[in-house]
Amino acid sequence: MAAQRIRQLFEMADEIFKQDPMMSKRYVYLARRMGMRHRVRIPAELKRRVCKECGAYLVPGANCRVRIKNNMIITMCMDCEHLMRKPFSKTGI
């Protein structure tokens, strides 16, 4: 039930991001708190949409920059300028 609510909060964050980015940040904060409280992992595809430094909901082109370099996916949050690196292999895609 908590995992379902976490997904719903991320969907709400995605919908409201254009009107109010601070409210989307709040929804992400609530989703993360719910995951910690109920010991439910946030799915990897949703976890990548959150800045680990400032907690902002990341939308490529709006408030984050995504680049591929040397078999790494580099995501830069434009709010706090934090870099997140995730390795990938060309054969795994």
N, C-alpha and C. Protein backbone atom coordinates (compact mmCIF):
# COMPACT_ATOMS: atom_id res chain seq x y z
N MET A 1 0.82 -1.18 0.00
CA MET A 1 0.00 0.00 0.00
C MET A 1 0.88 1.26 0.00
N ALA A 2 1.97 1.23 0.75
CA ALA A 2 2.86 2.38 0.79
C ALA A 2 3.55 2.58 -0.56
N ALA A 3 3.92 1.49 -1.23
CA ALA A 3 4.56 1.60 -2.54
C ALA A 3 3.62 2.23 -3.55
N GLN A 4 2.35 1.90 -3.45
CA GLN A 4 1.35 2.49 -4.34
C GLN A 4 1.22 3.99 -4.09
N ARG A 5 1.24 4.38 -2.83
CA ARG A 5 1.13 5.79 -2.47
C ARG A 5 2.38 6.56 -2.92
N ILE A 6 3.54 5.94 -2.84
CA ILE A 6 4.78 6.57 -3.29
C ILE A 6 4.71 6.85 -4.78
N ARG A 7 4.26 5.88 -5.55
CA ARG A 7 4.11 6.08 -7.00
C ARG A 7 3.11 7.21 -7.29
N GLN A 8 2.04 7.24 -6.53
CA GLN A 8 1.02 8.29 -6.72
C GLN A 8 1.61 9.67 -6.42
N LEU A 9 2.41 9.79 -5.39
CA LEU A 9 3.04 11.07 -5.05
C LEU A 9 4.00 11.52 -6.15
N PHE A 10 4.74 10.57 -6.73
CA PHE A 10 5.63 10.92 -7.83
C PHE A 10 4.85 11.36 -9.06
N GLU A 11 3.71 10.72 -9.33
CA GLU A 11 2.87 11.15 -10.45
C GLU A 11 2.33 12.56 -10.22
N MET A 12 1.94 12.85 -8.99
CA MET A 12 1.45 14.19 -8.66
C MET A 12 2.56 15.22 -8.81
N ALA A 13 3.78 14.84 -8.42
CA ALA A 13 4.93 15.74 -8.56
C ALA A 13 5.19 16.04 -10.03
N ASP A 14 5.05 15.03 -10.87
CA ASP A 14 5.26 15.22 -12.30
C ASP A 14 4.20 16.14 -12.91
N GLU A 15 2.96 15.98 -12.49
CA GLU A 15 1.86 16.78 -13.03
C GLU A 15 1.98 18.25 -12.63
N ILE A 16 2.38 18.51 -11.39
CA ILE A 16 2.35 19.89 -10.89
C ILE A 16 3.67 20.63 -11.11
N PHE A 17 4.69 19.95 -11.63
CA PHE A 17 6.01 20.56 -11.74
C PHE A 17 6.00 21.87 -12.53
N LYS A 18 5.27 21.93 -13.64
CA LYS A 18 5.27 23.14 -14.46
C LYS A 18 4.64 24.33 -13.74
N GLN A 19 3.60 24.10 -12.96
CA GLN A 19 2.95 25.20 -12.25
C GLN A 19 3.71 25.61 -11.00
N ASP A 20 4.17 24.62 -10.22
CA ASP A 20 4.78 24.92 -8.92
C ASP A 20 5.88 23.91 -8.60
N PRO A 21 7.14 24.21 -8.98
CA PRO A 21 8.23 23.26 -8.70
C PRO A 21 8.44 22.99 -7.21
N MET A 22 8.15 23.96 -6.36
CA MET A 22 8.33 23.75 -4.92
C MET A 22 7.34 22.72 -4.38
N MET A 23 6.13 22.70 -4.93
CA MET A 23 5.13 21.72 -4.50
C MET A 23 5.55 20.32 -4.95
N SER A 24 6.16 20.21 -6.13
CA SER A 24 6.63 18.90 -6.58
C SER A 24 7.76 18.42 -5.67
N LYS A 25 8.60 19.33 -5.22
CA LYS A 25 9.67 18.97 -4.28
C LYS A 25 9.07 18.46 -2.97
N ARG A 26 7.97 19.06 -2.54
CA ARG A 26 7.28 18.64 -1.32
C ARG A 26 6.71 17.23 -1.48
N TYR A 27 6.11 16.94 -2.65
CA TYR A 27 5.56 15.61 -2.90
C TYR A 27 6.66 14.55 -2.86
N VAL A 28 7.82 14.88 -3.41
CA VAL A 28 8.95 13.94 -3.39
C VAL A 28 9.41 13.73 -1.96
N TYR A 29 9.46 14.80 -1.19
CA TYR A 29 9.85 14.70 0.22
C TYR A 29 8.89 13.77 0.97
N LEU A 30 7.59 13.93 0.73
CA LEU A 30 6.61 13.08 1.40
C LEU A 30 6.76 11.62 0.98
N ALA A 31 7.03 11.39 -0.30
CA ALA A 31 7.21 10.03 -0.80
C ALA A 31 8.44 9.37 -0.16
N ARG A 32 9.51 10.13 -0.04
CA ARG A 32 10.73 9.58 0.57
C ARG A 32 10.51 9.28 2.05
N ARG A 33 9.82 10.16 2.73
CA ARG A 33 9.52 9.93 4.16
C ARG A 33 8.65 8.69 4.33
N MET A 34 7.66 8.54 3.45
CA MET A 34 6.78 7.37 3.55
C MET A 34 7.57 6.09 3.31
N GLY A 35 8.49 6.11 2.36
CA GLY A 35 9.32 4.94 2.12
C GLY A 35 10.17 4.58 3.32
N MET A 36 10.73 5.59 3.97
CA MET A 36 11.55 5.33 5.15
C MET A 36 10.70 4.83 6.32
N ARG A 37 9.54 5.41 6.51
CA ARG A 37 8.69 5.05 7.63
C ARG A 37 8.20 3.61 7.51
N HIS A 38 7.82 3.21 6.29
CA HIS A 38 7.26 1.88 6.09
C HIS A 38 8.27 0.88 5.55
N ARG A 39 9.54 1.32 5.45
CA ARG A 39 10.64 0.47 4.98
C ARG A 39 10.32 -0.13 3.61
N VAL A 40 9.91 0.76 2.70
CA VAL A 40 9.62 0.36 1.32
C VAL A 40 10.61 1.09 0.43
N ARG A 41 11.24 0.35 -0.46
CA ARG A 41 12.20 0.97 -1.38
C ARG A 41 11.46 1.76 -2.46
N ILE A 42 12.04 2.89 -2.81
CA ILE A 42 11.54 3.66 -3.94
C ILE A 42 12.11 3.00 -5.19
N PRO A 43 11.29 2.71 -6.19
CA PRO A 43 11.79 2.07 -7.41
C PRO A 43 12.91 2.87 -8.06
N ALA A 44 13.83 2.18 -8.72
CA ALA A 44 15.02 2.82 -9.30
C ALA A 44 14.67 3.89 -10.31
N GLU A 45 13.64 3.66 -11.13
CA GLU A 45 13.28 4.65 -12.15
C GLU A 45 12.75 5.94 -11.53
N LEU A 46 12.17 5.84 -10.33
CA LEU A 46 11.71 7.04 -9.64
C LEU A 46 12.83 7.68 -8.83
N LYS A 47 13.71 6.85 -8.29
CA LYS A 47 14.82 7.37 -7.49
C LYS A 47 15.75 8.24 -8.31
N ARG A 48 15.89 7.90 -9.62
CA ARG A 48 16.74 8.70 -10.50
C ARG A 48 16.15 10.07 -10.79
N ARG A 49 14.88 10.28 -10.49
CA ARG A 49 14.22 11.55 -10.76
C ARG A 49 14.33 12.52 -9.58
N VAL A 50 15.12 12.16 -8.57
CA VAL A 50 15.26 12.99 -7.38
C VAL A 50 16.73 13.34 -7.18
N CYS A 51 17.00 14.62 -6.91
CA CYS A 51 18.36 15.04 -6.57
C CYS A 51 18.68 14.55 -5.17
N LYS A 52 19.80 13.87 -5.02
CA LYS A 52 20.18 13.34 -3.71
C LYS A 52 20.66 14.43 -2.76
N GLU A 53 21.03 15.58 -3.31
CA GLU A 53 21.55 16.67 -2.49
C GLU A 53 20.43 17.56 -1.95
N CYS A 54 19.59 18.09 -2.85
CA CYS A 54 18.58 19.06 -2.42
C CYS A 54 17.16 18.50 -2.41
N GLY A 55 16.95 17.30 -2.95
CA GLY A 55 15.63 16.68 -2.92
C GLY A 55 14.68 17.18 -3.99
N ALA A 56 15.16 17.89 -4.99
CA ALA A 56 14.30 18.43 -6.04
C ALA A 56 13.85 17.32 -6.98
N TYR A 57 12.63 17.46 -7.51
CA TYR A 57 12.14 16.55 -8.54
C TYR A 57 12.78 16.96 -9.85
N LEU A 58 13.51 16.04 -10.49
CA LEU A 58 14.29 16.38 -11.68
C LEU A 58 13.52 16.11 -12.96
N VAL A 59 13.46 17.13 -13.81
CA VAL A 59 12.86 17.02 -15.14
C VAL A 59 13.94 17.42 -16.14
N PRO A 60 14.40 16.47 -16.96
CA PRO A 60 15.46 16.80 -17.93
C PRO A 60 15.07 17.96 -18.84
N GLY A 61 15.96 18.92 -18.95
CA GLY A 61 15.72 20.09 -19.78
C GLY A 61 15.12 21.25 -19.02
N ALA A 62 14.46 20.98 -17.92
CA ALA A 62 13.85 22.04 -17.13
C ALA A 62 14.74 22.43 -15.95
N ASN A 63 15.08 21.46 -15.11
CA ASN A 63 15.91 21.79 -13.97
C ASN A 63 17.07 20.80 -13.78
N CYS A 64 17.33 19.98 -14.80
CA CYS A 64 18.51 19.12 -14.75
C CYS A 64 19.05 18.91 -16.15
N ARG A 65 20.32 18.57 -16.20
CA ARG A 65 21.02 18.33 -17.45
C ARG A 65 21.49 16.88 -17.42
N VAL A 66 21.22 16.14 -18.50
CA VAL A 66 21.61 14.74 -18.58
C VAL A 66 22.59 14.58 -19.74
N ARG A 67 23.73 14.00 -19.46
CA ARG A 67 24.76 13.77 -20.46
C ARG A 67 25.25 12.33 -20.35
N ILE A 68 25.74 11.80 -21.47
CA ILE A 68 26.35 10.47 -21.49
C ILE A 68 27.81 10.65 -21.86
N LYS A 69 28.70 10.14 -21.01
CA LYS A 69 30.13 10.30 -21.24
C LYS A 69 30.87 9.13 -20.61
N ASN A 70 31.72 8.49 -21.40
CA ASN A 70 32.56 7.39 -20.91
C ASN A 70 31.77 6.33 -20.16
N ASN A 71 30.70 5.83 -20.78
CA ASN A 71 29.85 4.79 -20.19
C ASN A 71 29.25 5.20 -18.84
N MET A 72 28.97 6.49 -18.69
CA MET A 72 28.33 7.01 -17.48
C MET A 72 27.17 7.91 -17.89
N ILE A 73 26.08 7.83 -17.16
CA ILE A 73 25.00 8.79 -17.31
C ILE A 73 25.22 9.83 -16.23
N ILE A 74 25.45 11.06 -16.62
CA ILE A 74 25.74 12.14 -15.68
C ILE A 74 24.54 13.07 -15.64
N THR A 75 23.94 13.20 -14.47
CA THR A 75 22.79 14.08 -14.28
C THR A 75 23.23 15.22 -13.37
N MET A 76 23.02 16.45 -13.82
CA MET A 76 23.38 17.62 -13.03
C MET A 76 22.13 18.37 -12.64
N CYS A 77 21.90 18.53 -11.36
CA CYS A 77 20.78 19.31 -10.86
C CYS A 77 21.11 20.78 -11.05
N MET A 78 20.23 21.52 -11.69
CA MET A 78 20.48 22.93 -11.95
C MET A 78 20.14 23.80 -10.73
N ASP A 79 19.45 23.24 -9.74
CA ASP A 79 19.12 23.99 -8.53
C ASP A 79 20.34 24.10 -7.60
N CYS A 80 20.99 22.95 -7.36
CA CYS A 80 22.12 22.95 -6.43
C CYS A 80 23.44 22.61 -7.10
N GLU A 81 23.42 22.31 -8.41
CA GLU A 81 24.59 21.97 -9.20
C GLU A 81 25.30 20.70 -8.73
N HIS A 82 24.53 19.77 -8.17
CA HIS A 82 25.06 18.49 -7.72
C HIS A 82 25.11 17.53 -8.91
N LEU A 83 26.20 16.78 -9.03
CA LEU A 83 26.35 15.79 -10.10
C LEU A 83 26.04 14.40 -9.57
N MET A 84 25.27 13.65 -10.35
CA MET A 84 24.98 12.26 -10.01
C MET A 84 25.44 11.41 -11.19
N ARG A 85 26.26 10.41 -10.93
CA ARG A 85 26.80 9.56 -11.98
C ARG A 85 26.28 8.15 -11.82
N LYS A 86 25.86 7.57 -12.94
CA LYS A 86 25.37 6.20 -12.93
C LYS A 86 26.01 5.46 -14.09
N PRO A 87 26.73 4.38 -13.84
CA PRO A 87 27.37 3.63 -14.93
C PRO A 87 26.33 2.85 -15.75
N PHE A 88 26.65 2.66 -17.02
CA PHE A 88 25.84 1.82 -17.88
C PHE A 88 26.74 1.20 -18.94
N SER A 89 26.27 0.11 -19.50
CA SER A 89 27.02 -0.53 -20.58
C SER A 89 26.19 -0.46 -21.85
N LYS A 90 26.86 -0.34 -22.97
CA LYS A 90 26.17 -0.22 -24.24
C LYS A 90 25.43 -1.49 -24.61
N THR A 91 25.93 -2.62 -24.14
CA THR A 91 25.29 -3.90 -24.44
C THR A 91 24.03 -4.13 -23.60
N GLY A 92 23.96 -3.47 -22.45
CA GLY A 92 22.83 -3.66 -21.54
C GLY A 92 21.60 -2.85 -21.90
N ILE A 93 21.72 -1.94 -22.85
CA ILE A 93 20.57 -1.08 -23.19
C ILE A 93 19.70 -1.74 -24.21
